[in-house]
Protein backbone atom coordinates (compact mmCIF):
# COMPACT_ATOMS: atom_id res chain seq x y z
CA UNK A 1 3.47 34.95 -19.30
CA UNK A 2 3.99 31.54 -21.55
CA UNK A 3 7.06 30.35 -18.82
CA UNK A 4 5.81 32.19 -15.64
CA UNK A 5 8.36 29.65 -13.55
CA UNK A 6 11.16 32.46 -15.29
CA UNK A 7 9.47 35.81 -13.79
CA UNK A 8 8.55 34.70 -10.44
CA UNK A 9 11.95 35.91 -8.84
CA UNK A 10 10.91 39.16 -10.09
CA UNK A 11 7.33 39.46 -8.21
CA UNK A 12 7.80 40.62 -5.55
CA UNK A 13 4.91 39.23 -3.30
CA UNK A 14 5.23 35.91 -4.62
CA UNK A 15 9.04 35.67 -3.99
CA UNK A 16 8.06 36.41 -0.19
CA UNK A 17 5.08 33.91 -0.74
CA UNK A 18 7.84 31.37 -1.92
CA UNK A 19 10.34 32.03 0.62
CA UNK A 20 8.24 31.74 3.31
CA UNK A 21 6.97 28.26 2.45
CA UNK A 22 10.23 26.95 2.16
CA UNK A 23 11.17 28.70 5.44
CA UNK A 24 7.95 27.17 6.79
CA UNK A 25 8.79 23.36 4.65
CA UNK A 26 12.45 24.11 6.95
CA UNK A 27 10.81 23.37 9.99
CA UNK A 28 8.95 20.85 9.19
CA UNK A 29 11.60 18.36 8.26
CA UNK A 30 13.93 19.51 11.04
CA UNK A 31 11.33 18.68 13.67
CA UNK A 32 10.86 15.87 11.54
CA UNK A 33 14.09 14.33 12.72
CA UNK A 34 13.83 14.91 16.37
CA UNK A 35 13.33 12.30 18.56
CA UNK A 36 10.71 11.97 21.31
CA UNK A 37 12.63 11.87 24.99
CA UNK A 38 13.84 8.31 26.44
CA UNK A 39 13.90 6.18 23.49
CA UNK A 40 16.04 4.13 21.23
CA UNK A 41 15.84 4.69 18.27
CA UNK A 42 17.97 1.60 17.01
CA UNK A 43 15.32 -1.04 18.65
CA UNK A 44 12.01 1.05 16.81
CA UNK A 45 13.40 0.78 13.63
CA UNK A 46 14.18 -2.88 14.01
CA UNK A 47 10.57 -3.46 15.46
CA UNK A 48 9.29 -1.06 12.69
CA UNK A 49 11.03 -3.13 9.81
CA UNK A 50 8.19 -5.51 10.51
CA UNK A 51 5.20 -3.39 9.76
CA UNK A 52 6.03 -1.98 6.45
CA UNK A 53 2.87 -3.91 4.78
CA UNK A 54 0.64 -2.80 7.42
CA UNK A 55 -1.13 0.90 8.66
CA UNK A 56 1.61 2.02 10.30
CA UNK A 57 3.75 1.48 6.96
CA UNK A 58 1.22 3.37 5.22
CA UNK A 59 0.68 6.15 7.59
CA UNK A 60 4.48 6.11 7.87
CA UNK A 61 5.17 7.59 3.83
CA UNK A 62 2.42 10.01 5.00
CA UNK A 63 5.13 11.89 7.31
CA UNK A 64 8.28 11.00 6.34
CA UNK A 65 9.75 8.45 8.32
CA UNK A 66 8.32 10.16 11.05
CA UNK A 67 6.90 7.62 13.26
CA UNK A 68 9.84 4.10 12.16
CA UNK A 69 11.77 7.86 14.02
CA UNK A 70 9.46 8.53 16.52
CA UNK A 71 9.44 12.38 16.27
CA UNK A 72 8.34 14.96 17.92
CA UNK A 73 6.51 15.53 14.76
CA UNK A 74 5.29 11.94 13.73
CA UNK A 75 2.03 12.43 13.62
CA UNK A 76 2.21 15.05 11.26
CA UNK A 77 -0.71 16.36 9.35
CA UNK A 78 -2.75 13.39 9.29
CA UNK A 79 -4.40 14.22 12.32
CA UNK A 80 -5.80 16.99 11.39
CA UNK A 81 -6.63 15.70 7.61
CA UNK A 82 -8.27 13.27 9.63
CA UNK A 83 -10.94 16.12 11.67
CA UNK A 84 -11.25 17.35 8.23
CA UNK A 85 -12.20 14.03 6.33
CA UNK A 86 -15.38 13.14 9.78
CA UNK A 87 -16.41 16.73 9.17
CA UNK A 88 -16.97 15.95 5.54
CA UNK A 89 -18.46 12.47 6.17
CA UNK A 90 -20.37 13.93 8.75
CA UNK A 91 -21.98 16.58 6.65
CA UNK A 92 -23.74 14.22 4.55
CA UNK A 93 -26.07 13.03 7.46
CA UNK A 94 -26.21 16.20 10.32
CA UNK A 95 -27.67 18.47 8.97
CA UNK A 96 -26.24 21.49 11.70
CA UNK A 97 -22.90 21.09 10.19
CA UNK A 98 -24.48 21.07 6.53
CA UNK A 99 -25.96 24.51 7.45
CA UNK A 100 -22.62 25.72 8.98
CA UNK A 101 -20.81 25.16 5.44
CA UNK A 102 -23.51 26.94 3.65
CA UNK A 103 -24.06 30.20 5.85
CA UNK A 104 -20.41 31.27 4.21
CA UNK A 105 -17.32 32.88 6.20
CA UNK A 106 -19.00 32.57 9.58
CA UNK A 107 -20.08 28.85 9.02
CA UNK A 108 -16.35 28.09 7.74
CA UNK A 109 -14.76 29.53 10.51
CA UNK A 110 -16.81 28.05 12.92
CA UNK A 111 -16.19 24.34 11.83
CA UNK A 112 -12.33 25.25 11.29
CA UNK A 113 -12.34 25.77 14.57
CA UNK A 114 -14.00 22.47 15.42
CA UNK A 115 -11.68 21.05 13.30
CA UNK A 116 -9.07 22.05 15.17
CA UNK A 117 -9.87 21.07 18.30
CA UNK A 118 -10.88 17.49 17.16
CA UNK A 119 -7.33 17.13 15.77
CA UNK A 120 -6.25 17.81 18.92
CA UNK A 121 -8.77 15.54 20.46
CA UNK A 122 -6.87 12.70 17.67
CA UNK A 123 -3.52 14.04 19.45
CA UNK A 124 -3.57 12.94 22.04
CA UNK A 125 -5.66 9.94 20.93
CA UNK A 126 -3.17 8.54 18.85
CA UNK A 127 -0.31 9.72 21.35
CA UNK A 128 -1.41 7.83 23.90
CA UNK A 129 -1.90 4.50 21.39
CA UNK A 130 1.83 5.41 20.15
CA UNK A 131 3.67 5.13 23.87
CA UNK A 132 1.48 2.19 24.99
CA UNK A 133 2.83 0.47 21.23
CA UNK A 134 6.46 1.67 22.14
CA UNK A 135 6.74 0.95 26.16
CA UNK A 136 6.23 -3.08 24.12
CA UNK A 137 8.46 -2.70 21.90
CA UNK A 138 12.11 -4.75 23.49
CA UNK A 139 14.05 -2.56 25.12
CA UNK A 140 13.15 0.99 23.25
CA UNK A 141 12.09 2.51 26.24
CA UNK A 142 14.52 3.93 29.18
CA UNK A 143 12.28 4.28 30.98
CA UNK A 144 8.75 2.32 31.28
CA UNK A 145 5.73 3.86 32.65
CA UNK A 146 4.01 6.94 33.79
CA UNK A 147 6.29 9.61 33.32
CA UNK A 148 7.36 8.15 29.94
CA UNK A 149 3.64 7.92 28.46
CA UNK A 150 2.39 11.50 29.68
CA UNK A 151 5.59 12.94 28.37
CA UNK A 152 5.33 10.83 24.74
CA UNK A 153 1.37 12.68 24.58
CA UNK A 154 2.29 15.88 25.47
CA UNK A 155 5.09 15.67 23.13
CA UNK A 156 3.56 14.27 20.27
CA UNK A 157 0.54 16.60 20.97
CA UNK A 158 2.90 19.69 20.68
CA UNK A 159 3.99 18.90 17.38
CA UNK A 160 0.74 17.46 15.41
CA UNK A 161 -1.07 21.12 17.08
CA UNK A 162 2.31 22.96 15.87
CA UNK A 163 2.48 21.11 12.46
CA UNK A 164 -1.22 22.60 12.25
CA UNK A 165 -0.49 25.61 12.50
CA UNK A 166 2.72 25.18 9.78
CA UNK A 167 -0.02 23.88 7.18
CA UNK A 168 -2.01 26.87 7.84
CA UNK A 169 0.53 29.63 7.76
CA UNK A 170 1.63 28.06 4.28
CA UNK A 171 -1.76 27.98 3.13
CA UNK A 172 -2.91 32.09 4.50
CA UNK A 173 0.61 33.31 3.55
CA UNK A 174 2.65 31.04 0.95
CA UNK A 175 2.28 29.58 -1.74
CA UNK A 176 -0.83 26.01 -2.55
CA UNK A 177 -2.14 24.40 0.10
CA UNK A 178 0.45 23.60 3.13
CA UNK A 179 -1.28 20.39 4.65
CA UNK A 180 -1.18 19.28 1.07
CA UNK A 181 2.32 20.17 0.28
CA UNK A 182 3.88 18.61 3.90
CA UNK A 183 2.63 15.38 2.80
CA UNK A 184 4.37 16.15 -0.19
CA UNK A 185 7.58 16.73 1.07
CA UNK A 186 7.34 14.04 3.11
CA UNK A 187 6.86 11.53 0.32
CA UNK A 188 10.02 12.84 -1.49
CA UNK A 189 11.71 13.33 1.54
CA UNK A 190 12.29 8.75 0.73
CA UNK A 191 13.58 10.03 -2.32
CA UNK A 192 17.00 9.69 -2.54
CA UNK A 193 17.29 6.70 -0.52
CA UNK A 194 15.28 4.87 -3.00
CA UNK A 195 17.35 6.12 -5.62
CA UNK A 196 20.84 5.21 -3.76
CA UNK A 197 19.26 1.66 -2.95
CA UNK A 198 17.72 1.28 -6.64
CA UNK A 199 21.58 1.67 -8.24
CA UNK A 200 22.99 -0.32 -5.94
CA UNK A 201 20.66 -2.84 -6.79
CA UNK A 202 21.98 -1.72 -9.85
CA UNK A 203 25.47 -2.49 -9.37
CA UNK A 204 25.91 -6.10 -7.78
CA UNK A 205 23.68 -7.39 -10.39
CA UNK A 206 19.76 -7.86 -8.90
CA UNK A 207 18.51 -5.32 -11.29
CA UNK A 208 19.35 -6.01 -15.04
CA UNK A 209 20.26 -2.80 -17.52
CA UNK A 210 17.29 -3.96 -19.74
CA UNK A 211 15.22 -3.88 -16.65
CA UNK A 212 16.49 -0.59 -15.50
CA UNK A 213 15.35 1.06 -18.53
CA UNK A 214 12.06 -1.03 -18.90
CA UNK A 215 10.59 0.32 -15.29
CA UNK A 216 11.98 3.97 -16.14
CA UNK A 217 9.84 3.80 -19.30
CA UNK A 218 7.06 3.01 -17.51
CA UNK A 219 7.30 4.82 -14.65
CA UNK A 220 7.39 8.25 -16.95
CA UNK A 221 4.74 6.47 -18.28
CA UNK A 222 2.51 6.79 -15.31
CA UNK A 223 3.93 9.78 -14.78
CA UNK A 224 2.06 11.93 -17.52
CA UNK A 225 -0.94 9.94 -17.49
CA UNK A 226 -1.08 10.98 -13.39
CA UNK A 227 -0.97 14.43 -15.19
CA UNK A 228 -2.88 14.03 -18.30
CA UNK A 229 -6.20 12.97 -15.72
CA UNK A 230 -5.73 14.90 -13.21
CA UNK A 231 -6.27 17.86 -15.15
CA UNK A 232 -9.10 15.68 -17.76
CA UNK A 233 -12.59 17.58 -16.99
CA UNK A 234 -15.74 17.07 -18.90
CA UNK A 235 -17.40 20.77 -19.20
CA UNK A 236 -21.14 21.05 -19.43
CA UNK A 237 -21.99 23.81 -21.31
CA UNK A 238 -24.21 27.02 -18.84
CA UNK A 239 -25.95 30.07 -20.86
CA UNK A 240 -26.26 33.28 -18.31
CA UNK A 241 -29.20 35.10 -19.78
CA UNK A 242 -28.99 38.64 -20.55
CA UNK A 243 -30.48 40.63 -17.50
CA UNK A 244 -31.44 44.47 -16.43
CA UNK A 245 -30.05 45.45 -13.77
CA UNK A 246 -31.61 48.55 -13.20
CA UNK A 247 -30.72 52.55 -13.93
CA UNK A 248 -30.72 51.37 -17.65
CA UNK A 249 -27.93 48.69 -17.07
CA UNK A 250 -27.64 45.62 -18.72
CA UNK A 251 -26.22 42.87 -17.92
CA UNK A 252 -25.11 40.93 -21.59
CA UNK A 253 -25.43 37.13 -22.03
CA UNK A 254 -22.36 35.03 -21.24
CA UNK A 255 -21.51 31.43 -22.32
CA UNK A 256 -19.76 29.34 -19.44
CA UNK A 257 -19.00 25.73 -18.32
CA UNK A 258 -19.04 23.24 -14.94
CA UNK A 259 -15.82 21.51 -15.50
CA UNK A 260 -15.95 17.94 -13.82
CA UNK A 261 -13.00 16.07 -13.42
CA UNK A 262 -12.52 12.78 -14.17
CA UNK A 263 -10.61 12.22 -11.12
CA UNK A 264 -12.88 15.14 -8.74
CA UNK A 265 -12.21 11.89 -5.48
CA UNK A 266 -7.91 12.76 -5.97
CA UNK A 267 -6.22 10.14 -4.06
CA UNK A 268 -8.79 9.73 -0.87
CA UNK A 269 -10.54 6.49 -2.59
CA UNK A 270 -6.51 5.42 -2.59
CA UNK A 271 -6.24 5.46 0.84
CA UNK A 272 -10.19 4.03 1.81
CA UNK A 273 -8.97 1.12 0.40
CA UNK A 274 -5.51 1.03 0.60
CA UNK A 275 -6.67 1.23 4.90
CA UNK A 276 -9.59 -1.04 4.37
CA UNK A 277 -6.99 -3.99 2.96
CA UNK A 278 -4.13 -4.15 5.25
CA UNK A 279 -6.36 -4.16 8.70
CA UNK A 280 -5.96 -8.22 8.28
CA UNK A 281 -1.92 -8.02 7.89
CA UNK A 282 -2.15 -4.99 11.00
CA UNK A 283 -4.20 -7.14 12.86
CA UNK A 284 -2.60 -9.84 12.90
CA UNK A 285 1.37 -8.04 13.36
CA UNK A 286 -0.08 -7.82 17.08
CA UNK A 287 -1.89 -11.11 17.48
CA UNK A 288 -0.68 -14.57 17.79
CA UNK A 289 -4.56 -16.13 16.25
CA UNK A 290 -4.45 -18.52 13.47
CA UNK A 291 -7.22 -16.92 11.95
CA UNK A 292 -6.06 -13.40 11.38
CA UNK A 293 -2.94 -15.36 9.96
CA UNK A 294 -5.23 -17.33 7.12
CA UNK A 295 -7.07 -13.77 6.32
CA UNK A 296 -3.64 -12.15 6.06
CA UNK A 297 -2.08 -14.27 4.20
CA UNK A 298 -5.47 -14.48 2.18
CA UNK A 299 -4.41 -10.88 1.45
CA UNK A 300 -1.29 -10.91 0.56
CA UNK A 301 -0.32 -9.36 -3.50
CA UNK A 302 -1.85 -11.70 -5.40
CA UNK A 303 -5.16 -12.21 -7.13
CA UNK A 304 -7.42 -11.97 -5.04
CA UNK A 305 -5.34 -8.97 -3.45
CA UNK A 306 -5.57 -7.59 -6.75
CA UNK A 307 -9.86 -7.71 -7.43
CA UNK A 308 -10.67 -6.79 -4.18
CA UNK A 309 -8.24 -3.95 -4.19
CA UNK A 310 -9.93 -2.41 -7.18
CA UNK A 311 -13.48 -3.49 -6.01
CA UNK A 312 -12.35 -1.29 -2.94
CA UNK A 313 -10.62 1.78 -5.17
CA UNK A 314 -13.79 1.74 -7.74
CA UNK A 315 -16.56 1.50 -4.85
CA UNK A 316 -14.84 4.40 -2.58
CA UNK A 317 -14.03 6.17 -5.72
CA UNK A 318 -18.22 6.56 -6.03
CA UNK A 319 -18.59 6.82 -2.34
CA UNK A 320 -15.95 9.89 -1.64
CA UNK A 321 -17.03 11.81 -5.02
CA UNK A 322 -20.60 11.42 -3.91
CA UNK A 323 -19.63 13.01 -0.76
CA UNK A 324 -17.57 15.82 -1.49
CA UNK A 325 -20.14 16.95 -5.26
CA UNK A 326 -23.90 17.66 -4.46
CA UNK A 327 -25.59 18.22 -8.01
CA UNK A 328 -28.93 19.38 -6.01
CA UNK A 329 -26.72 22.32 -4.37
CA UNK A 330 -25.23 23.08 -8.07
CA UNK A 331 -28.49 22.68 -9.48
CA UNK A 332 -29.84 25.49 -7.51
CA UNK A 333 -27.08 27.95 -7.42
CA UNK A 334 -27.63 27.61 -10.57
CA UNK A 335 -31.20 28.29 -10.83
CA UNK A 336 -30.79 31.27 -8.46
CA UNK A 337 -28.09 33.03 -10.95
CA UNK A 338 -31.14 32.39 -13.54
CA UNK A 339 -28.65 30.29 -15.28
CA UNK A 340 -28.97 27.08 -17.63
CA UNK A 341 -27.35 24.31 -19.01
CA UNK A 342 -29.17 24.64 -22.59
CA UNK A 343 -31.54 22.34 -23.49
CA UNK A 344 -32.14 21.14 -20.22
CA UNK A 345 -34.12 21.90 -17.31
CA UNK A 346 -33.36 24.74 -14.08
CA UNK A 347 -34.10 22.28 -11.44
CA UNK A 348 -34.51 19.02 -10.60
CA UNK A 349 -33.65 17.98 -14.05
CA UNK A 350 -30.69 19.74 -14.29
CA UNK A 351 -29.61 18.24 -11.14
CA UNK A 352 -30.38 14.68 -12.46
CA UNK A 353 -28.37 15.75 -15.88
CA UNK A 354 -25.23 16.50 -13.67
CA UNK A 355 -25.51 13.78 -11.34
CA UNK A 356 -25.86 10.99 -14.41
CA UNK A 357 -22.86 13.11 -16.33
CA UNK A 358 -20.93 12.65 -13.02
CA UNK A 359 -21.62 8.91 -12.79
CA UNK A 360 -20.29 8.49 -16.11
CA UNK A 361 -17.57 10.46 -15.76
CA UNK A 362 -16.29 8.64 -12.40
CA UNK A 363 -16.29 4.95 -13.64
CA UNK A 364 -13.62 6.11 -15.57
CA UNK A 365 -11.55 7.88 -13.26
CA UNK A 366 -12.29 4.85 -11.00
CA UNK A 367 -10.47 2.74 -13.10
CA UNK A 368 -7.72 4.59 -13.89
CA UNK A 369 -7.26 4.73 -9.99
CA UNK A 370 -7.15 1.25 -9.35
CA UNK A 371 -4.93 0.71 -12.28
CA UNK A 372 -2.44 3.42 -10.56
CA UNK A 373 -2.87 2.02 -7.97
CA UNK A 374 -1.90 -1.63 -8.79
CA UNK A 375 0.67 -1.46 -11.90
CA UNK A 376 3.40 -1.10 -8.81
CA UNK A 377 2.60 -4.40 -7.61
CA UNK A 378 2.34 -5.94 -11.17
CA UNK A 379 5.13 -4.22 -12.16
CA UNK A 380 7.68 -5.33 -9.26
CA UNK A 381 6.04 -9.52 -9.80
CA UNK A 382 6.92 -9.01 -13.78
CA UNK A 383 10.85 -8.40 -12.77
CA UNK A 384 10.85 -9.66 -9.32
CA UNK A 385 12.12 -6.29 -7.65
CA UNK A 386 11.56 -5.15 -4.10
CA UNK A 387 13.95 -2.47 -3.76
CA UNK A 388 12.89 0.54 -6.80
CA UNK A 389 10.52 2.99 -5.01
CA UNK A 390 7.51 3.19 -6.81
CA UNK A 391 4.13 3.62 -5.98
CA UNK A 392 0.58 4.47 -7.37
CA UNK A 393 -0.48 5.99 -3.86
CA UNK A 394 2.33 8.55 -3.68
CA UNK A 395 2.99 9.64 -7.12
CA UNK A 396 -0.60 10.90 -7.14
CA UNK A 397 0.60 12.94 -4.56
CA UNK A 398 3.09 13.97 -5.50
CA UNK A 399 2.08 15.45 -8.80
CA UNK A 400 -1.31 16.37 -7.85
CA UNK A 401 0.43 18.43 -5.57
CA UNK A 402 2.97 20.06 -8.24
CA UNK A 403 -0.06 20.76 -11.14
CA UNK A 404 -1.69 22.30 -7.85
CA UNK A 405 1.02 24.70 -6.39
CA UNK A 406 2.16 25.63 -10.18
CA UNK A 407 -1.24 26.49 -11.16
CA UNK A 408 -1.61 28.81 -7.68
CA UNK A 409 1.87 30.66 -8.58
CA UNK A 410 0.95 31.29 -12.48
CA UNK A 411 -2.36 32.69 -10.96
CA UNK A 412 -0.65 35.21 -8.84
CA UNK A 413 2.23 36.12 -11.46
CA UNK A 414 -1.55 36.58 -14.01
CA UNK A 415 -3.11 39.39 -10.78
CA UNK A 416 -0.02 41.47 -11.03
CA UNK A 417 0.10 41.04 -14.74
CA UNK A 418 -3.17 42.61 -14.75
CA UNK A 419 -2.69 45.01 -11.78
CA UNK A 420 0.84 46.22 -13.66
CA UNK A 421 -0.97 46.76 -16.80
CA UNK A 422 -4.07 48.51 -15.29
CA UNK A 423 -1.17 51.51 -13.22
CA UNK A 424 0.36 52.08 -16.30
CA UNK A 425 -2.93 52.70 -18.24
CA UNK A 426 -5.13 55.33 -18.64
CA UNK A 427 -8.97 54.53 -18.10
CA UNK A 428 -10.89 58.15 -19.79
CA UNK A 429 -14.11 58.90 -18.72
CA UNK A 430 -16.76 59.15 -21.46
CA UNK A 431 -19.82 60.98 -21.63
CA UNK A 432 -21.07 63.73 -19.34
CA UNK A 433 -19.28 63.36 -15.83
CA UNK A 434 -20.39 64.47 -12.77
CA UNK A 435 -18.33 66.96 -10.40
CA UNK A 436 -18.79 66.87 -6.52
């Protein structure tokens, strides 16, 4: 079990899950290259080149270039993720949604259904906006008008719902989180082309050998840091006392811990901060206003950009952590189970202690996220390079999803190992037996 990857294909169930996951991802990548009808992709790519630093460029990275190619899966899994985030945020201010989250399986089913309906609405809205955008590009649409808008909205909405279904199927019958894996493969799709561009730059002399070695060293160092910080956690000790269960049964006392990750918010703070800071550039790209253009120039990579970007990441790290992690609920659950933190009174004092620990742990996590997001810009400025594929957001997603998928595969191997052990062993009954 020290190297679970070598035993993956020996477990029939895990092998079937992996093959099913790969099949679903293949379907997703095939659909990501089928273009919307009545569209000139060449004209679209020329117009899209000027939008790489805007919201369109960020969105295009998460859908594997489907937006710049106007494919049937151009919306990707982002509408479903946006709907999920909306309900997460609404749970903090709407007691009805918060109550559904605590109702168990039935409540989760209802929230999932609402999330799906919201996803359809978001697909329709985004599909309409994207179709209008396509009609505004000279020479991109062969037959503009109501027919093109209706067809595009229908195709993109159907594609978005189908991608949502693919993600749910991967989660249920495959390995790993389906939504995360779809984004994972969308991002790494650009790796081969980026490596090719970097190699060409090295051959023509745009990047020197020393610069290339330094860039690769920084890349591996940052990847190592991402892995370490993604798995780092502060363990709060928890004591479960001895308890009499009835009929002479006694549950022995246990010692456990609550893991509070240094990076509980994941990559979401970077996405939120990035979305905010590139709004001026997005607005100026579709407007001729001098004021917007001046504001957009202020928020180009530079001192003000770095400071604002870093502060936004720290803020959204605390904000999103507060949304997804509720110390009061955790303290109540511990109290109901009879568990307690040594030296801390159950109830309010426990919630305050957990909140204090979470606040302290989140600070280095937020600074780490800010550094991961800013290091690529500093590298590009130092070496004056624009062709090297190296982004903090994409790197965080790729490493995080890869770690989560490997851990789930290892859990399947452990379960299979324990099951085989119980089948081979023979449990003997001791003491007096009852015969029916």
